[in-house]
Amino acid sequence: MLYPSIDALKSKIDSKYSLVSLASKRARQMQEEGHEKLSNYVSYKTVGKALEEIAAGALTKEKQDAATIYDDEI
């Protein structure tokens, strides 16, 4: 993967684990719902598109509250 670079992505998200988790969840959301946040993408695949959204600042990590329960945790 050449674009976006890992350095650019690490400046937006603090850890590689969080980056992978966020990108994979967003890629699945794009596959199921098809809503895109950017007008133009370099990548054709949804994971690449999710990483481009992170690099552009259109997708950020939310702070997780300890009391919040997500669907994939049940």
PDB file of N, CA and C in Angstrom:
ATOM      1  N   MET A   1       0.849  -1.175   0.000  1.00  0.00           N
ATOM      2  CA  MET A   1       0.000   0.000   0.000  1.00  0.00           C
ATOM      3  C   MET A   1       0.896   1.240   0.000  1.00  0.00           C
ATOM      4  N   LEU A   2       0.749   2.045  -1.000  1.00  0.00           N
ATOM      5  CA  LEU A   2       1.557   3.247  -1.116  1.00  0.00           C
ATOM      6  C   LEU A   2       0.802   4.498  -0.685  1.00  0.00           C
ATOM      7  N   TYR A   3      -0.504   4.519  -0.911  1.00  0.00           N
ATOM      8  CA  TYR A   3      -1.288   5.702  -0.570  1.00  0.00           C
ATOM      9  C   TYR A   3      -2.521   5.277   0.193  1.00  0.00           C
ATOM     10  N   PRO A   4      -2.852   5.883   1.254  1.00  0.00           N
ATOM     11  CA  PRO A   4      -2.079   6.844   2.034  1.00  0.00           C
ATOM     12  C   PRO A   4      -0.968   6.148   2.813  1.00  0.00           C
ATOM     13  N   SER A   5       0.078   6.870   3.105  1.00  0.00           N
ATOM     14  CA  SER A   5       1.226   6.283   3.786  1.00  0.00           C
ATOM     15  C   SER A   5       0.905   6.015   5.249  1.00  0.00           C
ATOM     16  N   ILE A   6       1.604   5.068   5.810  1.00  0.00           N
ATOM     17  CA  ILE A   6       1.411   4.715   7.221  1.00  0.00           C
ATOM     18  C   ILE A   6       1.729   5.911   8.114  1.00  0.00           C
ATOM     19  N   ASP A   7       2.727   6.699   7.756  1.00  0.00           N
ATOM     20  CA  ASP A   7       3.086   7.875   8.556  1.00  0.00           C
ATOM     21  C   ASP A   7       1.942   8.883   8.605  1.00  0.00           C
ATOM     22  N   ALA A   8       1.278   9.094   7.477  1.00  0.00           N
ATOM     23  CA  ALA A   8       0.141  10.025   7.435  1.00  0.00           C
ATOM     24  C   ALA A   8      -1.015   9.496   8.276  1.00  0.00           C
ATOM     25  N   LEU A   9      -1.222   8.193   8.223  1.00  0.00           N
ATOM     26  CA  LEU A   9      -2.308   7.592   8.994  1.00  0.00           C
ATOM     27  C   LEU A   9      -2.004   7.594  10.490  1.00  0.00           C
ATOM     28  N   LYS A  10      -0.738   7.348  10.854  1.00  0.00           N
ATOM     29  CA  LYS A  10      -0.350   7.333  12.269  1.00  0.00           C
ATOM     30  C   LYS A  10      -0.451   8.722  12.895  1.00  0.00           C
ATOM     31  N   SER A  11      -0.397   9.761  12.087  1.00  0.00           N
ATOM     32  CA  SER A  11      -0.566  11.111  12.635  1.00  0.00           C
ATOM     33  C   SER A  11      -2.032  11.383  12.984  1.00  0.00           C
ATOM     34  N   LYS A  12      -2.948  10.625  12.379  1.00  0.00           N
ATOM     35  CA  LYS A  12      -4.383  10.795  12.641  1.00  0.00           C
ATOM     36  C   LYS A  12      -4.883   9.868  13.746  1.00  0.00           C
ATOM     37  N   ILE A  13      -4.387   8.629  13.759  1.00  0.00           N
ATOM     38  CA  ILE A  13      -4.818   7.613  14.715  1.00  0.00           C
ATOM     39  C   ILE A  13      -3.598   7.176  15.512  1.00  0.00           C
ATOM     40  N   ASP A  14      -3.754   7.034  16.824  1.00  0.00           N
ATOM     41  CA  ASP A  14      -2.617   6.815  17.710  1.00  0.00           C
ATOM     42  C   ASP A  14      -1.961   5.439  17.616  1.00  0.00           C
ATOM     43  N   SER A  15      -2.690   4.387  17.321  1.00  0.00           N
ATOM     44  CA  SER A  15      -2.084   3.055  17.286  1.00  0.00           C
ATOM     45  C   SER A  15      -2.488   2.304  16.019  1.00  0.00           C
ATOM     46  N   LYS A  16      -1.655   1.347  15.644  1.00  0.00           N
ATOM     47  CA  LYS A  16      -1.942   0.544  14.456  1.00  0.00           C
ATOM     48  C   LYS A  16      -3.198  -0.300  14.671  1.00  0.00           C
ATOM     49  N   TYR A  17      -3.384  -0.809  15.884  1.00  0.00           N
ATOM     50  CA  TYR A  17      -4.564  -1.613  16.181  1.00  0.00           C
ATOM     51  C   TYR A  17      -5.835  -0.795  15.973  1.00  0.00           C
ATOM     52  N   SER A  18      -5.868   0.406  16.502  1.00  0.00           N
ATOM     53  CA  SER A  18      -7.038   1.280  16.338  1.00  0.00           C
ATOM     54  C   SER A  18      -7.265   1.615  14.872  1.00  0.00           C
ATOM     55  N   LEU A  19      -6.186   1.818  14.153  1.00  0.00           N
ATOM     56  CA  LEU A  19      -6.268   2.126  12.727  1.00  0.00           C
ATOM     57  C   LEU A  19      -6.901   0.973  11.951  1.00  0.00           C
ATOM     58  N   VAL A  20      -6.435  -0.238  12.199  1.00  0.00           N
ATOM     59  CA  VAL A  20      -6.968  -1.418  11.515  1.00  0.00           C
ATOM     60  C   VAL A  20      -8.426  -1.642  11.884  1.00  0.00           C
ATOM     61  N   SER A  21      -8.752  -1.489  13.151  1.00  0.00           N
ATOM     62  CA  SER A  21     -10.119  -1.686  13.612  1.00  0.00           C
ATOM     63  C   SER A  21     -11.070  -0.679  12.978  1.00  0.00           C
ATOM     64  N   LEU A  22     -10.694   0.580  12.991  1.00  0.00           N
ATOM     65  CA  LEU A  22     -11.523   1.635  12.421  1.00  0.00           C
ATOM     66  C   LEU A  22     -11.706   1.457  10.912  1.00  0.00           C
ATOM     67  N   ALA A  23     -10.622   1.155  10.214  1.00  0.00           N
ATOM     68  CA  ALA A  23     -10.693   0.979   8.762  1.00  0.00           C
ATOM     69  C   ALA A  23     -11.538  -0.227   8.381  1.00  0.00           C
ATOM     70  N   SER A  24     -11.420  -1.318   9.126  1.00  0.00           N
ATOM     71  CA  SER A  24     -12.192  -2.509   8.780  1.00  0.00           C
ATOM     72  C   SER A  24     -13.680  -2.306   9.034  1.00  0.00           C
ATOM     73  N   LYS A  25     -14.021  -1.634  10.130  1.00  0.00           N
ATOM     74  CA  LYS A  25     -15.435  -1.362  10.409  1.00  0.00           C
ATOM     75  C   LYS A  25     -16.031  -0.425   9.369  1.00  0.00           C
ATOM     76  N   ARG A  26     -15.263   0.572   8.956  1.00  0.00           N
ATOM     77  CA  ARG A  26     -15.749   1.514   7.942  1.00  0.00           C
ATOM     78  C   ARG A  26     -15.871   0.828   6.581  1.00  0.00           C
ATOM     79  N   ALA A  27     -14.935  -0.059   6.249  1.00  0.00           N
ATOM     80  CA  ALA A  27     -14.999  -0.781   4.985  1.00  0.00           C
ATOM     81  C   ALA A  27     -16.241  -1.662   4.939  1.00  0.00           C
ATOM     82  N   ARG A  28     -16.550  -2.330   6.022  1.00  0.00           N
ATOM     83  CA  ARG A  28     -17.753  -3.157   6.065  1.00  0.00           C
ATOM     84  C   ARG A  28     -19.004  -2.296   5.919  1.00  0.00           C
ATOM     85  N   GLN A  29     -18.998  -1.144   6.572  1.00  0.00           N
ATOM     86  CA  GLN A  29     -20.142  -0.229   6.471  1.00  0.00           C
ATOM     87  C   GLN A  29     -20.330   0.233   5.027  1.00  0.00           C
ATOM     88  N   MET A  30     -19.235   0.540   4.331  1.00  0.00           N
ATOM     89  CA  MET A  30     -19.338   0.962   2.940  1.00  0.00           C
ATOM     90  C   MET A  30     -19.840  -0.162   2.047  1.00  0.00           C
ATOM     91  N   GLN A  31     -19.439  -1.401   2.327  1.00  0.00           N
ATOM     92  CA  GLN A  31     -19.920  -2.533   1.547  1.00  0.00           C
ATOM     93  C   GLN A  31     -21.415  -2.734   1.730  1.00  0.00           C
ATOM     94  N   GLU A  32     -21.890  -2.591   2.960  1.00  0.00           N
ATOM     95  CA  GLU A  32     -23.289  -2.858   3.253  1.00  0.00           C
ATOM     96  C   GLU A  32     -24.202  -1.693   2.886  1.00  0.00           C
ATOM     97  N   GLU A  33     -23.761  -0.462   3.156  1.00  0.00           N
ATOM     98  CA  GLU A  33     -24.621   0.702   2.962  1.00  0.00           C
ATOM     99  C   GLU A  33     -24.241   1.545   1.757  1.00  0.00           C
ATOM    100  N   GLY A  34     -22.957   1.578   1.411  1.00  0.00           N
ATOM    101  CA  GLY A  34     -22.512   2.300   0.236  1.00  0.00           C
ATOM    102  C   GLY A  34     -22.364   3.801   0.376  1.00  0.00           C
ATOM    103  N   HIS A  35     -22.429   4.342   1.579  1.00  0.00           N
ATOM    104  CA  HIS A  35     -22.282   5.791   1.760  1.00  0.00           C
ATOM    105  C   HIS A  35     -20.801   6.154   1.788  1.00  0.00           C
ATOM    106  N   GLU A  36     -20.382   7.006   0.876  1.00  0.00           N
ATOM    107  CA  GLU A  36     -18.987   7.436   0.811  1.00  0.00           C
ATOM    108  C   GLU A  36     -18.872   8.869   1.293  1.00  0.00           C
ATOM    109  N   LYS A  37     -17.812   9.159   2.044  1.00  0.00           N
ATOM    110  CA  LYS A  37     -17.644  10.482   2.644  1.00  0.00           C
ATOM    111  C   LYS A  37     -16.824  11.437   1.780  1.00  0.00           C
ATOM    112  N   LEU A  38     -16.033  10.910   0.850  1.00  0.00           N
ATOM    113  CA  LEU A  38     -15.207  11.753  -0.017  1.00  0.00           C
ATOM    114  C   LEU A  38     -15.776  11.750  -1.428  1.00  0.00           C
ATOM    115  N   SER A  39     -15.478  12.780  -2.188  1.00  0.00           N
ATOM    116  CA  SER A  39     -15.986  12.851  -3.560  1.00  0.00           C
ATOM    117  C   SER A  39     -15.159  11.997  -4.519  1.00  0.00           C
ATOM    118  N   ASN A  40     -13.847  11.932  -4.333  1.00  0.00           N
ATOM    119  CA  ASN A  40     -12.966  11.153  -5.205  1.00  0.00           C
ATOM    120  C   ASN A  40     -12.060  10.264  -4.372  1.00  0.00           C
ATOM    121  N   TYR A  41     -11.832   9.047  -4.856  1.00  0.00           N
ATOM    122  CA  TYR A  41     -10.943   8.090  -4.195  1.00  0.00           C
ATOM    123  C   TYR A  41      -9.892   7.619  -5.183  1.00  0.00           C
ATOM    124  N   VAL A  42      -8.707   7.312  -4.693  1.00  0.00           N
ATOM    125  CA  VAL A  42      -7.650   6.732  -5.506  1.00  0.00           C
ATOM    126  C   VAL A  42      -7.846   5.219  -5.563  1.00  0.00           C
ATOM    127  N   SER A  43      -8.231   4.632  -4.444  1.00  0.00           N
ATOM    128  CA  SER A  43      -8.387   3.188  -4.326  1.00  0.00           C
ATOM    129  C   SER A  43      -9.757   2.723  -4.823  1.00  0.00           C
ATOM    130  N   TYR A  44      -9.797   1.497  -5.311  1.00  0.00           N
ATOM    131  CA  TYR A  44     -11.057   0.899  -5.752  1.00  0.00           C
ATOM    132  C   TYR A  44     -11.679   0.036  -4.663  1.00  0.00           C
ATOM    133  N   LYS A  45     -10.854  -0.465  -3.748  1.00  0.00           N
ATOM    134  CA  LYS A  45     -11.332  -1.365  -2.700  1.00  0.00           C
ATOM    135  C   LYS A  45     -11.795  -0.568  -1.486  1.00  0.00           C
ATOM    136  N   THR A  46     -12.735  -1.148  -0.750  1.00  0.00           N
ATOM    137  CA  THR A  46     -13.334  -0.423   0.376  1.00  0.00           C
ATOM    138  C   THR A  46     -12.354  -0.172   1.512  1.00  0.00           C
ATOM    139  N   VAL A  47     -11.424  -1.082   1.753  1.00  0.00           N
ATOM    140  CA  VAL A  47     -10.437  -0.859   2.822  1.00  0.00           C
ATOM    141  C   VAL A  47      -9.544   0.325   2.460  1.00  0.00           C
ATOM    142  N   GLY A  48      -9.123   0.399   1.221  1.00  0.00           N
ATOM    143  CA  GLY A  48      -8.318   1.537   0.763  1.00  0.00           C
ATOM    144  C   GLY A  48      -9.083   2.838   0.855  1.00  0.00           C
ATOM    145  N   LYS A  49     -10.373   2.794   0.511  1.00  0.00           N
ATOM    146  CA  LYS A  49     -11.211   3.986   0.610  1.00  0.00           C
ATOM    147  C   LYS A  49     -11.349   4.425   2.064  1.00  0.00           C
ATOM    148  N   ALA A  50     -11.512   3.465   2.969  1.00  0.00           N
ATOM    149  CA  ALA A  50     -11.612   3.798   4.393  1.00  0.00           C
ATOM    150  C   ALA A  50     -10.321   4.440   4.891  1.00  0.00           C
ATOM    151  N   LEU A  51      -9.186   3.927   4.468  1.00  0.00           N
ATOM    152  CA  LEU A  51      -7.903   4.518   4.860  1.00  0.00           C
ATOM    153  C   LEU A  51      -7.738   5.921   4.285  1.00  0.00           C
ATOM    154  N   GLU A  52      -8.228   6.148   3.080  1.00  0.00           N
ATOM    155  CA  GLU A  52      -8.181   7.489   2.492  1.00  0.00           C
ATOM    156  C   GLU A  52      -9.049   8.460   3.291  1.00  0.00           C
ATOM    157  N   GLU A  53     -10.203   7.992   3.769  1.00  0.00           N
ATOM    158  CA  GLU A  53     -11.065   8.835   4.595  1.00  0.00           C
ATOM    159  C   GLU A  53     -10.383   9.202   5.907  1.00  0.00           C
ATOM    160  N   ILE A  54      -9.654   8.260   6.487  1.00  0.00           N
ATOM    161  CA  ILE A  54      -8.921   8.540   7.724  1.00  0.00           C
ATOM    162  C   ILE A  54      -7.828   9.569   7.461  1.00  0.00           C
ATOM    163  N   ALA A  55      -7.087   9.390   6.378  1.00  0.00           N
ATOM    164  CA  ALA A  55      -5.997  10.320   6.042  1.00  0.00           C
ATOM    165  C   ALA A  55      -6.525  11.723   5.757  1.00  0.00           C
ATOM    166  N   ALA A  56      -7.717  11.814   5.157  1.00  0.00           N
ATOM    167  CA  ALA A  56      -8.301  13.117   4.835  1.00  0.00           C
ATOM    168  C   ALA A  56      -8.944  13.783   6.043  1.00  0.00           C
ATOM    169  N   GLY A  57      -9.114  13.041   7.124  1.00  0.00           N
ATOM    170  CA  GLY A  57      -9.736  13.609   8.319  1.00  0.00           C
ATOM    171  C   GLY A  57     -11.250  13.513   8.315  1.00  0.00           C
ATOM    172  N   ALA A  58     -11.816  12.827   7.324  1.00  0.00           N
ATOM    173  CA  ALA A  58     -13.272  12.670   7.250  1.00  0.00           C
ATOM    174  C   ALA A  58     -13.771  11.592   8.189  1.00  0.00           C
ATOM    175  N   LEU A  59     -12.874  10.747   8.664  1.00  0.00           N
ATOM    176  CA  LEU A  59     -13.227   9.655   9.559  1.00  0.00           C
ATOM    177  C   LEU A  59     -12.283   9.688  10.751  1.00  0.00           C
ATOM    178  N   THR A  60     -12.843   9.793  11.940  1.00  0.00           N
ATOM    179  CA  THR A  60     -12.027   9.850  13.151  1.00  0.00           C
ATOM    180  C   THR A  60     -12.509   8.824  14.157  1.00  0.00           C
ATOM    181  N   LYS A  61     -11.652   8.514  15.092  1.00  0.00           N
ATOM    182  CA  LYS A  61     -11.976   7.562  16.148  1.00  0.00           C
ATOM    183  C   LYS A  61     -12.783   8.271  17.232  1.00  0.00           C
ATOM    184  N   GLU A  62     -13.862   7.636  17.667  1.00  0.00           N
ATOM    185  CA  GLU A  62     -14.678   8.202  18.738  1.00  0.00           C
ATOM    186  C   GLU A  62     -14.153   7.716  20.082  1.00  0.00           C
ATOM    187  N   LYS A  63     -14.288   8.547  21.086  1.00  0.00           N
ATOM    188  CA  LYS A  63     -13.935   8.111  22.425  1.00  0.00           C
ATOM    189  C   LYS A  63     -14.974   7.108  22.887  1.00  0.00           C
ATOM    190  N   GLN A  64     -14.511   6.002  23.442  1.00  0.00           N
ATOM    191  CA  GLN A  64     -15.419   4.945  23.870  1.00  0.00           C
ATOM    192  C   GLN A  64     -15.713   5.088  25.347  1.00  0.00           C
ATOM    193  N   ASP A  65     -16.989   5.139  25.648  1.00  0.00           N
ATOM    194  CA  ASP A  65     -17.444   5.189  27.026  1.00  0.00           C
ATOM    195  C   ASP A  65     -17.494   3.765  27.558  1.00  0.00           C
ATOM    196  N   ALA A  66     -17.112   3.553  28.794  1.00  0.00           N
ATOM    197  CA  ALA A  66     -17.098   2.213  29.377  1.00  0.00           C
ATOM    198  C   ALA A  66     -18.494   1.601  29.437  1.00  0.00           C
ATOM    199  N   ALA A  67     -19.524   2.425  29.494  1.00  0.00           N
ATOM    200  CA  ALA A  67     -20.898   1.927  29.601  1.00  0.00           C
ATOM    201  C   ALA A  67     -21.513   1.608  28.229  1.00  0.00           C
ATOM    202  N   THR A  68     -20.855   1.999  27.142  1.00  0.00           N
ATOM    203  CA  THR A  68     -21.395   1.781  25.806  1.00  0.00           C
ATOM    204  C   THR A  68     -21.191   0.332  25.383  1.00  0.00           C
ATOM    205  N   ILE A  69     -22.246  -0.292  24.873  1.00  0.00           N
ATOM    206  CA  ILE A  69     -22.175  -1.658  24.368  1.00  0.00           C
ATOM    207  C   ILE A  69     -22.521  -1.611  22.881  1.00  0.00           C
ATOM    208  N   TYR A  70     -21.599  -2.125  22.058  1.00  0.00           N
ATOM    209  CA  TYR A  70     -21.796  -2.143  20.620  1.00  0.00           C
ATOM    210  C   TYR A  70     -22.380  -3.479  20.190  1.00  0.00           C
ATOM    211  N   ASP A  71     -22.999  -3.497  19.014  1.00  0.00           N
ATOM    212  CA  ASP A  71     -23.637  -4.703  18.504  1.00  0.00           C
ATOM    213  C   ASP A  71     -22.660  -5.866  18.368  1.00  0.00           C
ATOM    214  N   ASP A  72     -21.433  -5.587  17.962  1.00  0.00           N
ATOM    215  CA  ASP A  72     -20.466  -6.679  17.755  1.00  0.00           C
ATOM    216  C   ASP A  72     -19.862  -7.190  19.060  1.00  0.00           C
ATOM    217  N   GLU A  73     -20.200  -6.597  20.190  1.00  0.00           N
ATOM    218  CA  GLU A  73     -19.694  -7.056  21.480  1.00  0.00           C
ATOM    219  C   GLU A  73     -20.675  -7.962  22.214  1.00  0.00           C
ATOM    220  N   ILE A  74     -21.860  -8.112  21.659  1.00  0.00           N
ATOM    221  CA  ILE A  74     -22.892  -8.919  22.334  1.00  0.00           C
ATOM    222  C   ILE A  74     -22.697 -10.381  22.008  1.00  0.00           C
TER     223      ILE A  74
END
